[in-house]
Amino acid sequence: MLSFHGRNLFTTAAGMACIASIFMLVRTPTIAPGLEATPTAPAVAVSEPATGEVPSTVKICNAFRALYAMHPDSPSLVLTPLELLDLSVSDPRLRHAGRADSALAGSSANHLVQQTALEAGERVRKRMLARTQSGDPAALRAMRATYVVGDMLLDDAARISFLNNLQPALGENGAVPLAKRLQAVETFCRRAWQIRGWKSARF
């Protein structure tokens, strides 16, 4: 088990972000001073000068790329971020996860959503531990996806944007047809993927 100064990296937000960066080699976005979340407004991610990208959008689209990589030839098997971690928008613990007050450091809403995301990721990884230790490529891709998705949900700006702007178009339990779900993701992530030379998440 990975640890740092005696703390389990799998069960801390900082540890999750660290591990996700190792798996992805993804840049860590920043929030400009003065743009932190308030009770009426979520944290606002700063656009990157070189590309005009919004870091929260990049995290969301990186999460979907990792999810698509689990089933590159079978789009119908691709899970949503919440499905991967066995979570649902109807989960009482996520009731306020898309609201601005869930981004307030130290608030009960922020603590609950952070704890929920961390615990969900750890549960899923425990189930696939034997397969990853044996070097199963599919399990390793799934393990990687849990970290990338977890990192997205732990990022306040990314989580709020995802839950409000994309999750409603994805639905749950097959309520939205596959073609519409794929198109929603393609539309949301088109710029992020084009900048990186990705034609789409399906590669």
N, C-alpha and C. Protein backbone atom coordinates (compact mmCIF):
# COMPACT_ATOMS: atom_id res chain seq x y z
N MET A 1 0.85 -1.19 0.00
CA MET A 1 0.00 0.00 0.00
C MET A 1 0.88 1.24 0.00
N LEU A 2 0.59 2.17 -0.88
CA LEU A 2 1.39 3.38 -0.95
C LEU A 2 1.10 4.26 0.24
N SER A 3 2.16 4.85 0.82
CA SER A 3 1.95 5.75 1.95
C SER A 3 2.98 6.85 1.90
N PHE A 4 2.68 7.92 2.62
CA PHE A 4 3.60 9.05 2.72
C PHE A 4 3.49 9.59 4.11
N HIS A 5 4.59 9.60 4.86
CA HIS A 5 4.60 10.03 6.25
C HIS A 5 3.53 9.27 7.04
N GLY A 6 3.38 7.97 6.71
CA GLY A 6 2.47 7.13 7.47
C GLY A 6 1.02 7.23 7.06
N ARG A 7 0.70 8.05 6.03
CA ARG A 7 -0.68 8.21 5.61
C ARG A 7 -0.93 7.43 4.33
N ASN A 8 -2.06 6.77 4.26
CA ASN A 8 -2.43 5.99 3.09
C ASN A 8 -2.79 6.91 1.94
N LEU A 9 -2.04 6.84 0.84
CA LEU A 9 -2.30 7.73 -0.29
C LEU A 9 -3.63 7.43 -0.97
N PHE A 10 -4.15 6.21 -0.79
CA PHE A 10 -5.40 5.87 -1.46
C PHE A 10 -6.59 6.53 -0.79
N THR A 11 -6.45 7.01 0.44
CA THR A 11 -7.60 7.49 1.18
C THR A 11 -7.50 8.97 1.54
N THR A 12 -6.71 9.72 0.82
CA THR A 12 -6.65 11.16 1.00
C THR A 12 -6.82 11.83 -0.34
N ALA A 13 -7.43 13.01 -0.32
CA ALA A 13 -7.63 13.73 -1.58
C ALA A 13 -6.29 14.06 -2.23
N ALA A 14 -5.31 14.46 -1.40
CA ALA A 14 -4.00 14.80 -1.94
C ALA A 14 -3.34 13.56 -2.55
N GLY A 15 -3.52 12.43 -1.88
CA GLY A 15 -2.95 11.19 -2.40
C GLY A 15 -3.57 10.79 -3.71
N MET A 16 -4.88 10.94 -3.82
CA MET A 16 -5.57 10.60 -5.06
C MET A 16 -5.07 11.46 -6.20
N ALA A 17 -4.91 12.75 -5.95
CA ALA A 17 -4.44 13.65 -7.00
C ALA A 17 -3.03 13.28 -7.43
N CYS A 18 -2.20 12.92 -6.43
CA CYS A 18 -0.82 12.53 -6.73
C CYS A 18 -0.78 11.29 -7.59
N ILE A 19 -1.57 10.28 -7.20
CA ILE A 19 -1.57 9.02 -7.94
C ILE A 19 -2.14 9.21 -9.32
N ALA A 20 -3.18 10.02 -9.43
CA ALA A 20 -3.78 10.27 -10.75
C ALA A 20 -2.76 10.91 -11.68
N SER A 21 -1.95 11.83 -11.14
CA SER A 21 -0.95 12.48 -11.99
C SER A 21 0.11 11.49 -12.43
N ILE A 22 0.42 10.52 -11.58
CA ILE A 22 1.39 9.50 -11.96
C ILE A 22 0.84 8.64 -13.08
N PHE A 23 -0.42 8.25 -12.96
CA PHE A 23 -1.04 7.40 -13.98
C PHE A 23 -1.20 8.14 -15.30
N MET A 24 -1.49 9.45 -15.24
CA MET A 24 -1.86 10.20 -16.44
C MET A 24 -0.79 11.13 -16.98
N LEU A 25 0.11 11.55 -16.09
CA LEU A 25 1.05 12.61 -16.44
C LEU A 25 0.29 13.84 -16.91
N VAL A 26 -0.75 14.16 -16.17
CA VAL A 26 -1.61 15.28 -16.51
C VAL A 26 -1.18 16.51 -15.73
N ARG A 27 -1.28 17.69 -16.35
CA ARG A 27 -0.98 18.91 -15.66
C ARG A 27 -2.01 19.16 -14.58
N THR A 28 -1.59 19.77 -13.47
CA THR A 28 -2.52 20.10 -12.41
C THR A 28 -3.02 21.52 -12.62
N PRO A 29 -4.33 21.71 -12.83
CA PRO A 29 -4.85 23.04 -13.06
C PRO A 29 -4.82 23.86 -11.79
N THR A 30 -4.89 25.16 -11.95
CA THR A 30 -4.85 26.06 -10.81
C THR A 30 -6.07 26.95 -10.80
N ILE A 31 -6.40 27.45 -9.63
CA ILE A 31 -7.47 28.42 -9.47
C ILE A 31 -6.83 29.74 -9.09
N ALA A 32 -7.15 30.78 -9.80
CA ALA A 32 -6.53 32.07 -9.55
C ALA A 32 -6.96 32.62 -8.20
N PRO A 33 -6.07 33.35 -7.51
CA PRO A 33 -6.43 33.96 -6.24
C PRO A 33 -7.66 34.85 -6.43
N GLY A 34 -8.59 34.77 -5.49
CA GLY A 34 -9.77 35.59 -5.58
C GLY A 34 -10.90 34.94 -6.33
N LEU A 35 -10.65 33.76 -6.93
CA LEU A 35 -11.69 33.09 -7.69
C LEU A 35 -12.14 31.80 -7.01
N GLU A 36 -11.87 31.71 -5.70
CA GLU A 36 -12.30 30.52 -4.99
C GLU A 36 -13.82 30.50 -4.91
N ALA A 37 -14.37 29.32 -4.55
CA ALA A 37 -15.82 29.20 -4.49
C ALA A 37 -16.40 30.05 -3.38
N THR A 38 -17.60 30.53 -3.58
CA THR A 38 -18.37 31.24 -2.57
C THR A 38 -19.69 30.52 -2.44
N PRO A 39 -20.52 30.87 -1.44
CA PRO A 39 -21.80 30.17 -1.31
C PRO A 39 -22.69 30.27 -2.54
N THR A 40 -22.47 31.27 -3.38
CA THR A 40 -23.34 31.46 -4.54
C THR A 40 -22.64 31.22 -5.86
N ALA A 41 -21.35 30.92 -5.83
CA ALA A 41 -20.63 30.70 -7.09
C ALA A 41 -19.57 29.65 -6.90
N PRO A 42 -19.44 28.71 -7.84
CA PRO A 42 -18.41 27.68 -7.74
C PRO A 42 -17.04 28.25 -8.02
N ALA A 43 -16.01 27.49 -7.67
CA ALA A 43 -14.67 27.90 -8.02
C ALA A 43 -14.58 28.04 -9.52
N VAL A 44 -13.88 29.07 -9.98
CA VAL A 44 -13.77 29.33 -11.41
C VAL A 44 -12.36 28.98 -11.85
N ALA A 45 -12.24 28.05 -12.76
CA ALA A 45 -10.93 27.65 -13.26
C ALA A 45 -10.43 28.70 -14.24
N VAL A 46 -9.13 28.96 -14.20
CA VAL A 46 -8.53 29.96 -15.07
C VAL A 46 -8.24 29.35 -16.43
N SER A 47 -8.60 30.04 -17.49
CA SER A 47 -8.27 29.58 -18.83
C SER A 47 -6.76 29.62 -19.03
N GLU A 48 -6.23 28.63 -19.69
CA GLU A 48 -4.80 28.58 -19.93
C GLU A 48 -4.46 29.50 -21.10
N PRO A 49 -3.58 30.46 -20.93
CA PRO A 49 -3.30 31.45 -21.96
C PRO A 49 -2.93 30.87 -23.31
N ALA A 50 -2.16 29.78 -23.32
CA ALA A 50 -1.66 29.27 -24.60
C ALA A 50 -2.75 28.66 -25.47
N THR A 51 -3.76 28.08 -24.86
CA THR A 51 -4.76 27.35 -25.63
C THR A 51 -6.18 27.83 -25.40
N GLY A 52 -6.39 28.61 -24.35
CA GLY A 52 -7.74 29.02 -24.02
C GLY A 52 -8.56 27.93 -23.37
N GLU A 53 -7.92 26.85 -22.97
CA GLU A 53 -8.63 25.74 -22.34
C GLU A 53 -9.01 26.06 -20.90
N VAL A 54 -10.10 25.49 -20.46
CA VAL A 54 -10.50 25.57 -19.07
C VAL A 54 -10.03 24.29 -18.38
N PRO A 55 -9.18 24.38 -17.36
CA PRO A 55 -8.63 23.18 -16.72
C PRO A 55 -9.69 22.19 -16.24
N SER A 56 -10.82 22.68 -15.75
CA SER A 56 -11.85 21.75 -15.28
C SER A 56 -12.39 20.91 -16.43
N THR A 57 -12.53 21.52 -17.61
CA THR A 57 -13.00 20.78 -18.78
C THR A 57 -11.97 19.73 -19.18
N VAL A 58 -10.70 20.08 -19.10
CA VAL A 58 -9.63 19.13 -19.44
C VAL A 58 -9.72 17.91 -18.52
N LYS A 59 -9.94 18.13 -17.23
CA LYS A 59 -10.04 17.00 -16.30
C LYS A 59 -11.22 16.11 -16.64
N ILE A 60 -12.34 16.72 -16.97
CA ILE A 60 -13.53 15.94 -17.33
C ILE A 60 -13.25 15.09 -18.57
N CYS A 61 -12.65 15.71 -19.57
CA CYS A 61 -12.42 15.00 -20.83
C CYS A 61 -11.31 13.96 -20.71
N ASN A 62 -10.34 14.20 -19.85
CA ASN A 62 -9.33 13.17 -19.58
C ASN A 62 -10.00 11.96 -18.91
N ALA A 63 -10.96 12.22 -18.04
CA ALA A 63 -11.68 11.13 -17.38
C ALA A 63 -12.42 10.28 -18.41
N PHE A 64 -13.07 10.93 -19.35
CA PHE A 64 -13.80 10.17 -20.37
C PHE A 64 -12.85 9.43 -21.30
N ARG A 65 -11.70 9.99 -21.58
CA ARG A 65 -10.74 9.28 -22.42
C ARG A 65 -10.28 8.00 -21.72
N ALA A 66 -10.07 8.08 -20.41
CA ALA A 66 -9.67 6.89 -19.65
C ALA A 66 -10.80 5.86 -19.64
N LEU A 67 -12.04 6.32 -19.55
CA LEU A 67 -13.18 5.40 -19.58
C LEU A 67 -13.32 4.73 -20.94
N TYR A 68 -13.14 5.49 -22.01
CA TYR A 68 -13.22 4.91 -23.35
C TYR A 68 -12.10 3.91 -23.58
N ALA A 69 -10.94 4.16 -22.97
CA ALA A 69 -9.80 3.25 -23.15
C ALA A 69 -10.07 1.88 -22.55
N MET A 70 -11.01 1.79 -21.63
CA MET A 70 -11.35 0.49 -21.04
C MET A 70 -12.02 -0.42 -22.07
N HIS A 71 -12.74 0.18 -23.03
CA HIS A 71 -13.46 -0.60 -24.04
C HIS A 71 -13.33 0.09 -25.40
N PRO A 72 -12.11 0.16 -25.95
CA PRO A 72 -11.88 0.92 -27.18
C PRO A 72 -12.68 0.45 -28.38
N ASP A 73 -13.08 -0.81 -28.39
CA ASP A 73 -13.82 -1.35 -29.54
C ASP A 73 -15.29 -1.60 -29.24
N SER A 74 -15.73 -1.23 -28.05
CA SER A 74 -17.12 -1.51 -27.66
C SER A 74 -17.72 -0.31 -26.92
N PRO A 75 -18.11 0.73 -27.66
CA PRO A 75 -18.66 1.94 -27.02
C PRO A 75 -19.85 1.66 -26.12
N SER A 76 -20.62 0.62 -26.44
CA SER A 76 -21.81 0.33 -25.63
C SER A 76 -21.46 -0.13 -24.22
N LEU A 77 -20.20 -0.53 -24.00
CA LEU A 77 -19.78 -0.99 -22.68
C LEU A 77 -19.18 0.13 -21.83
N VAL A 78 -18.97 1.29 -22.43
CA VAL A 78 -18.32 2.39 -21.72
C VAL A 78 -19.20 2.90 -20.59
N LEU A 79 -18.62 3.00 -19.41
CA LEU A 79 -19.33 3.50 -18.24
C LEU A 79 -19.20 5.01 -18.13
N THR A 80 -20.10 5.62 -17.41
CA THR A 80 -19.95 7.04 -17.08
C THR A 80 -19.06 7.12 -15.84
N PRO A 81 -18.56 8.31 -15.52
CA PRO A 81 -17.71 8.44 -14.32
C PRO A 81 -18.40 7.92 -13.05
N LEU A 82 -19.67 8.26 -12.87
CA LEU A 82 -20.36 7.80 -11.67
C LEU A 82 -20.58 6.30 -11.69
N GLU A 83 -20.90 5.75 -12.85
CA GLU A 83 -21.11 4.30 -12.95
C GLU A 83 -19.84 3.53 -12.62
N LEU A 84 -18.69 4.05 -13.05
CA LEU A 84 -17.43 3.36 -12.78
C LEU A 84 -17.22 3.19 -11.29
N LEU A 85 -17.59 4.20 -10.52
CA LEU A 85 -17.38 4.16 -9.07
C LEU A 85 -18.62 3.70 -8.31
N ASP A 86 -19.58 3.13 -9.03
CA ASP A 86 -20.81 2.63 -8.40
C ASP A 86 -21.53 3.74 -7.63
N LEU A 87 -21.56 4.93 -8.21
CA LEU A 87 -22.25 6.06 -7.62
C LEU A 87 -23.44 6.45 -8.50
N SER A 88 -24.30 7.29 -7.97
CA SER A 88 -25.48 7.73 -8.71
C SER A 88 -25.86 9.14 -8.27
N VAL A 89 -26.47 9.89 -9.17
CA VAL A 89 -26.92 11.24 -8.81
C VAL A 89 -28.02 11.17 -7.75
N SER A 90 -28.64 10.02 -7.61
CA SER A 90 -29.69 9.86 -6.59
C SER A 90 -29.12 9.51 -5.22
N ASP A 91 -27.81 9.28 -5.16
CA ASP A 91 -27.15 8.97 -3.89
C ASP A 91 -27.25 10.19 -2.97
N PRO A 92 -27.83 10.04 -1.78
CA PRO A 92 -27.96 11.18 -0.87
C PRO A 92 -26.64 11.88 -0.58
N ARG A 93 -25.55 11.14 -0.62
CA ARG A 93 -24.24 11.73 -0.32
C ARG A 93 -23.80 12.69 -1.42
N LEU A 94 -24.39 12.56 -2.60
CA LEU A 94 -24.03 13.44 -3.71
C LEU A 94 -25.11 14.48 -3.98
N ARG A 95 -26.03 14.62 -3.06
CA ARG A 95 -27.17 15.52 -3.26
C ARG A 95 -26.71 16.94 -3.57
N HIS A 96 -25.66 17.39 -2.90
CA HIS A 96 -25.19 18.76 -3.09
C HIS A 96 -23.87 18.82 -3.85
N ALA A 97 -23.45 17.71 -4.44
CA ALA A 97 -22.13 17.65 -5.08
C ALA A 97 -21.99 18.59 -6.26
N GLY A 98 -23.10 18.97 -6.89
CA GLY A 98 -23.03 19.87 -8.03
C GLY A 98 -23.31 21.31 -7.67
N ARG A 99 -23.49 21.59 -6.39
CA ARG A 99 -23.79 22.95 -5.95
C ARG A 99 -22.52 23.69 -5.57
N ALA A 100 -22.62 25.01 -5.61
CA ALA A 100 -21.45 25.83 -5.31
C ALA A 100 -20.92 25.61 -3.90
N ASP A 101 -21.83 25.37 -2.93
CA ASP A 101 -21.35 25.23 -1.56
C ASP A 101 -20.54 23.96 -1.34
N SER A 102 -20.60 23.01 -2.30
CA SER A 102 -19.78 21.81 -2.17
C SER A 102 -18.31 22.11 -2.44
N ALA A 103 -18.02 23.32 -2.93
CA ALA A 103 -16.64 23.71 -3.21
C ALA A 103 -16.02 24.50 -2.07
N LEU A 104 -16.80 24.76 -1.03
CA LEU A 104 -16.28 25.53 0.10
C LEU A 104 -15.43 24.64 1.00
N ALA A 105 -14.14 24.92 1.04
CA ALA A 105 -13.24 24.13 1.87
C ALA A 105 -13.69 24.15 3.32
N GLY A 106 -13.76 22.98 3.93
CA GLY A 106 -14.14 22.88 5.32
C GLY A 106 -15.63 22.74 5.55
N SER A 107 -16.43 22.93 4.50
CA SER A 107 -17.88 22.82 4.67
C SER A 107 -18.27 21.35 4.75
N SER A 108 -19.42 21.08 5.36
CA SER A 108 -19.88 19.70 5.48
C SER A 108 -20.16 19.11 4.11
N ALA A 109 -20.67 19.93 3.18
CA ALA A 109 -20.96 19.45 1.83
C ALA A 109 -19.68 19.04 1.12
N ASN A 110 -18.62 19.84 1.28
CA ASN A 110 -17.35 19.54 0.64
C ASN A 110 -16.74 18.28 1.24
N HIS A 111 -16.79 18.17 2.55
CA HIS A 111 -16.23 16.99 3.22
C HIS A 111 -16.95 15.72 2.77
N LEU A 112 -18.27 15.79 2.67
CA LEU A 112 -19.05 14.61 2.31
C LEU A 112 -18.75 14.14 0.90
N VAL A 113 -18.68 15.07 -0.05
CA VAL A 113 -18.44 14.65 -1.43
C VAL A 113 -17.02 14.14 -1.61
N GLN A 114 -16.05 14.74 -0.92
CA GLN A 114 -14.67 14.26 -0.99
C GLN A 114 -14.57 12.85 -0.41
N GLN A 115 -15.18 12.65 0.74
CA GLN A 115 -15.15 11.34 1.39
C GLN A 115 -15.83 10.29 0.52
N THR A 116 -16.96 10.66 -0.08
CA THR A 116 -17.70 9.72 -0.91
C THR A 116 -16.89 9.29 -2.12
N ALA A 117 -16.25 10.24 -2.78
CA ALA A 117 -15.45 9.93 -3.97
C ALA A 117 -14.25 9.06 -3.61
N LEU A 118 -13.58 9.38 -2.52
CA LEU A 118 -12.42 8.60 -2.10
C LEU A 118 -12.79 7.17 -1.73
N GLU A 119 -13.84 7.03 -0.95
CA GLU A 119 -14.26 5.69 -0.51
C GLU A 119 -14.75 4.85 -1.68
N ALA A 120 -15.46 5.48 -2.61
CA ALA A 120 -15.97 4.75 -3.77
C ALA A 120 -14.82 4.23 -4.62
N GLY A 121 -13.82 5.07 -4.85
CA GLY A 121 -12.67 4.65 -5.63
C GLY A 121 -11.92 3.50 -4.97
N GLU A 122 -11.77 3.59 -3.66
CA GLU A 122 -11.05 2.54 -2.95
C GLU A 122 -11.80 1.21 -3.01
N ARG A 123 -13.13 1.25 -2.89
CA ARG A 123 -13.93 0.02 -2.96
C ARG A 123 -13.77 -0.66 -4.31
N VAL A 124 -13.85 0.13 -5.37
CA VAL A 124 -13.75 -0.43 -6.72
C VAL A 124 -12.37 -1.03 -6.94
N ARG A 125 -11.34 -0.34 -6.49
CA ARG A 125 -9.97 -0.84 -6.69
C ARG A 125 -9.72 -2.12 -5.90
N LYS A 126 -10.31 -2.25 -4.74
CA LYS A 126 -10.14 -3.48 -3.96
C LYS A 126 -10.69 -4.68 -4.72
N ARG A 127 -11.79 -4.47 -5.44
CA ARG A 127 -12.41 -5.57 -6.18
C ARG A 127 -11.53 -6.05 -7.33
N MET A 128 -10.74 -5.14 -7.89
CA MET A 128 -9.94 -5.52 -9.05
C MET A 128 -8.47 -5.76 -8.69
N LEU A 129 -8.15 -5.78 -7.40
CA LEU A 129 -6.76 -5.88 -6.97
C LEU A 129 -6.09 -7.14 -7.49
N ALA A 130 -6.75 -8.28 -7.36
CA ALA A 130 -6.12 -9.54 -7.78
C ALA A 130 -5.81 -9.52 -9.27
N ARG A 131 -6.71 -8.99 -10.07
CA ARG A 131 -6.50 -8.95 -11.52
C ARG A 131 -5.38 -7.99 -11.89
N THR A 132 -5.30 -6.86 -11.21
CA THR A 132 -4.23 -5.91 -11.54
C THR A 132 -2.88 -6.46 -11.12
N GLN A 133 -2.83 -7.17 -10.01
CA GLN A 133 -1.56 -7.74 -9.56
C GLN A 133 -1.07 -8.83 -10.51
N SER A 134 -1.99 -9.45 -11.23
CA SER A 134 -1.60 -10.47 -12.20
C SER A 134 -1.21 -9.86 -13.54
N GLY A 135 -1.36 -8.54 -13.64
CA GLY A 135 -0.96 -7.85 -14.87
C GLY A 135 -2.01 -7.85 -15.96
N ASP A 136 -3.26 -8.14 -15.62
CA ASP A 136 -4.35 -8.14 -16.60
C ASP A 136 -4.47 -6.75 -17.22
N PRO A 137 -4.24 -6.61 -18.54
CA PRO A 137 -4.28 -5.29 -19.19
C PRO A 137 -5.61 -4.57 -19.01
N ALA A 138 -6.71 -5.30 -19.11
CA ALA A 138 -8.03 -4.68 -18.95
C ALA A 138 -8.21 -4.14 -17.54
N ALA A 139 -7.75 -4.90 -16.56
CA ALA A 139 -7.86 -4.47 -15.17
C ALA A 139 -6.98 -3.25 -14.91
N LEU A 140 -5.81 -3.22 -15.52
CA LEU A 140 -4.92 -2.07 -15.35
C LEU A 140 -5.53 -0.81 -15.96
N ARG A 141 -6.20 -0.95 -17.11
CA ARG A 141 -6.87 0.21 -17.71
C ARG A 141 -8.01 0.69 -16.81
N ALA A 142 -8.73 -0.27 -16.23
CA ALA A 142 -9.83 0.09 -15.33
C ALA A 142 -9.30 0.76 -14.07
N MET A 143 -8.19 0.23 -13.53
CA MET A 143 -7.58 0.82 -12.35
C MET A 143 -7.17 2.26 -12.62
N ARG A 144 -6.55 2.47 -13.76
CA ARG A 144 -6.13 3.82 -14.14
C ARG A 144 -7.34 4.74 -14.23
N ALA A 145 -8.42 4.25 -14.81
CA ALA A 145 -9.63 5.07 -14.95
C ALA A 145 -10.19 5.48 -13.60
N THR A 146 -10.11 4.60 -12.59
CA THR A 146 -10.65 4.96 -11.28
C THR A 146 -9.91 6.15 -10.69
N TYR A 147 -8.60 6.22 -10.93
CA TYR A 147 -7.83 7.35 -10.41
C TYR A 147 -8.15 8.63 -11.16
N VAL A 148 -8.26 8.53 -12.48
CA VAL A 148 -8.51 9.72 -13.29
C VAL A 148 -9.91 10.27 -13.00
N VAL A 149 -10.89 9.37 -12.92
CA VAL A 149 -12.26 9.78 -12.60
C VAL A 149 -12.32 10.34 -11.18
N GLY A 150 -11.66 9.67 -10.24
CA GLY A 150 -11.64 10.16 -8.87
C GLY A 150 -11.03 11.53 -8.77
N ASP A 151 -9.95 11.77 -9.49
CA ASP A 151 -9.30 13.07 -9.49
C ASP A 151 -10.25 14.14 -10.02
N MET A 152 -11.04 13.81 -11.04
CA MET A 152 -12.00 14.76 -11.59
C MET A 152 -13.08 15.10 -10.57
N LEU A 153 -13.59 14.09 -9.87
CA LEU A 153 -14.65 14.33 -8.90
C LEU A 153 -14.15 15.07 -7.67
N LEU A 154 -12.89 14.92 -7.34
CA LEU A 154 -12.32 15.62 -6.19
C LEU A 154 -12.00 17.07 -6.51
N ASP A 155 -11.86 17.39 -7.79
CA ASP A 155 -11.63 18.76 -8.21
C ASP A 155 -12.97 19.49 -8.22
N ASP A 156 -13.12 20.49 -7.37
CA ASP A 156 -14.42 21.13 -7.20
C ASP A 156 -14.98 21.71 -8.50
N ALA A 157 -14.16 22.46 -9.22
CA ALA A 157 -14.64 23.08 -10.46
C ALA A 157 -15.02 22.03 -11.50
N ALA A 158 -14.20 20.99 -11.62
CA ALA A 158 -14.48 19.93 -12.60
C ALA A 158 -15.75 19.17 -12.23
N ARG A 159 -15.88 18.82 -10.95
CA ARG A 159 -17.06 18.07 -10.51
C ARG A 159 -18.35 18.85 -10.74
N ILE A 160 -18.34 20.11 -10.35
CA ILE A 160 -19.54 20.94 -10.50
C ILE A 160 -19.90 21.10 -11.97
N SER A 161 -18.90 21.33 -12.80
CA SER A 161 -19.15 21.46 -14.24
C SER A 161 -19.70 20.16 -14.81
N PHE A 162 -19.09 19.04 -14.45
CA PHE A 162 -19.54 17.75 -14.97
C PHE A 162 -20.98 17.45 -14.57
N LEU A 163 -21.29 17.62 -13.29
CA LEU A 163 -22.62 17.25 -12.80
C LEU A 163 -23.72 18.16 -13.36
N ASN A 164 -23.37 19.40 -13.65
CA ASN A 164 -24.38 20.33 -14.15
C ASN A 164 -24.45 20.39 -15.67
N ASN A 165 -23.32 20.19 -16.34
CA ASN A 165 -23.28 20.41 -17.79
C ASN A 165 -23.27 19.14 -18.63
N LEU A 166 -22.83 18.02 -18.06
CA LEU A 166 -22.70 16.81 -18.87
C LEU A 166 -23.50 15.63 -18.34
N GLN A 167 -23.45 15.40 -17.04
CA GLN A 167 -24.16 14.25 -16.47
C GLN A 167 -25.65 14.21 -16.86
N PRO A 168 -26.37 15.34 -16.87
CA PRO A 168 -27.79 15.28 -17.25
C PRO A 168 -28.01 14.72 -18.65
N ALA A 169 -27.05 14.95 -19.55
CA ALA A 169 -27.18 14.44 -20.92
C ALA A 169 -26.83 12.96 -21.02
N LEU A 170 -26.19 12.42 -20.00
CA LEU A 170 -25.79 11.01 -20.01
C LEU A 170 -26.86 10.11 -19.41
N GLY A 171 -27.57 10.64 -18.42
CA GLY A 171 -28.58 9.84 -17.76
C GLY A 171 -27.98 8.68 -17.00
N GLU A 172 -28.84 7.81 -16.52
CA GLU A 172 -28.41 6.63 -15.77
C GLU A 172 -29.26 5.43 -16.15
N ASN A 173 -28.68 4.25 -15.98
CA ASN A 173 -29.41 3.00 -16.21
C ASN A 173 -30.00 2.90 -17.61
N GLY A 174 -29.25 3.42 -18.59
CA GLY A 174 -29.69 3.29 -19.97
C GLY A 174 -30.85 4.19 -20.37
N ALA A 175 -31.15 5.19 -19.55
CA ALA A 175 -32.28 6.07 -19.84
C ALA A 175 -32.05 6.89 -21.11
N VAL A 176 -30.79 7.18 -21.42
CA VAL A 176 -30.44 7.95 -22.62
C VAL A 176 -29.81 6.99 -23.63
N PRO A 177 -30.27 7.01 -24.88
CA PRO A 177 -29.71 6.12 -25.91
C PRO A 177 -28.21 6.32 -26.06
N LEU A 178 -27.51 5.24 -26.40
CA LEU A 178 -26.06 5.27 -26.53
C LEU A 178 -25.59 6.37 -27.47
N ALA A 179 -26.21 6.50 -28.63
CA ALA A 179 -25.77 7.50 -29.61
C ALA A 179 -25.82 8.91 -29.03
N LYS A 180 -26.84 9.20 -28.25
CA LYS A 180 -26.97 10.53 -27.66
C LYS A 180 -25.92 10.75 -26.57
N ARG A 181 -25.62 9.70 -25.81
CA ARG A 181 -24.58 9.82 -24.78
C ARG A 181 -23.23 10.10 -25.42
N LEU A 182 -22.90 9.34 -26.45
CA LEU A 182 -21.62 9.52 -27.12
C LEU A 182 -21.52 10.92 -27.73
N GLN A 183 -22.61 11.38 -28.33
CA GLN A 183 -22.59 12.70 -28.95
C GLN A 183 -22.44 13.80 -27.91
N ALA A 184 -23.05 13.62 -26.75
CA ALA A 184 -22.93 14.62 -25.69
C ALA A 184 -21.48 14.76 -25.24
N VAL A 185 -20.80 13.63 -25.09
CA VAL A 185 -19.40 13.67 -24.68
C VAL A 185 -18.53 14.27 -25.78
N GLU A 186 -18.77 13.86 -27.03
CA GLU A 186 -17.99 14.39 -28.16
C GLU A 186 -18.13 15.90 -28.24
N THR A 187 -19.35 16.40 -28.10
CA THR A 187 -19.60 17.83 -28.19
C THR A 187 -18.91 18.58 -27.06
N PHE A 188 -19.01 18.05 -25.85
CA PHE A 188 -18.43 18.71 -24.69
C PHE A 188 -16.90 18.73 -24.77
N CYS A 189 -16.31 17.65 -25.27
CA CYS A 189 -14.86 17.49 -25.22
C CYS A 189 -14.14 17.78 -26.54
N ARG A 190 -14.87 18.17 -27.57
CA ARG A 190 -14.26 18.29 -28.90
C ARG A 190 -13.01 19.16 -28.89
N ARG A 191 -13.09 20.33 -28.26
CA ARG A 191 -11.94 21.24 -28.29
C ARG A 191 -10.74 20.65 -27.54
N ALA A 192 -10.98 20.09 -26.37
CA ALA A 192 -9.89 19.51 -25.58
C ALA A 192 -9.19 18.41 -26.35
N TRP A 193 -9.96 17.58 -27.05
CA TRP A 193 -9.36 16.49 -27.81
C TRP A 193 -8.65 16.99 -29.05
N GLN A 194 -9.21 18.00 -29.71
CA GLN A 194 -8.57 18.54 -30.92
C GLN A 194 -7.22 19.15 -30.59
N ILE A 195 -7.14 19.86 -29.48
CA ILE A 195 -5.88 20.49 -29.08
C ILE A 195 -4.80 19.44 -28.87
N ARG A 196 -5.18 18.27 -28.39
CA ARG A 196 -4.22 17.19 -28.14
C ARG A 196 -4.03 16.27 -29.33
N GLY A 197 -4.70 16.57 -30.42
CA GLY A 197 -4.55 15.73 -31.60
C GLY A 197 -5.36 14.46 -31.54
N TRP A 198 -6.34 14.41 -30.63
CA TRP A 198 -7.22 13.25 -30.53
C TRP A 198 -8.46 13.52 -31.37
N LYS A 199 -8.78 12.64 -32.30
CA LYS A 199 -9.98 12.82 -33.11
C LYS A 199 -11.23 12.67 -32.26
N SER A 200 -11.14 11.83 -31.27
CA SER A 200 -12.24 11.65 -30.32
C SER A 200 -11.69 10.85 -29.16
N ALA A 201 -12.55 10.56 -28.20
CA ALA A 201 -12.11 9.75 -27.06
C ALA A 201 -11.89 8.31 -27.49
N ARG A 202 -12.55 7.90 -28.56
CA ARG A 202 -12.43 6.50 -29.00
C ARG A 202 -11.19 6.35 -29.86
N PHE A 203 -10.21 5.66 -29.34
CA PHE A 203 -8.94 5.55 -30.05
C PHE A 203 -8.45 4.12 -30.00
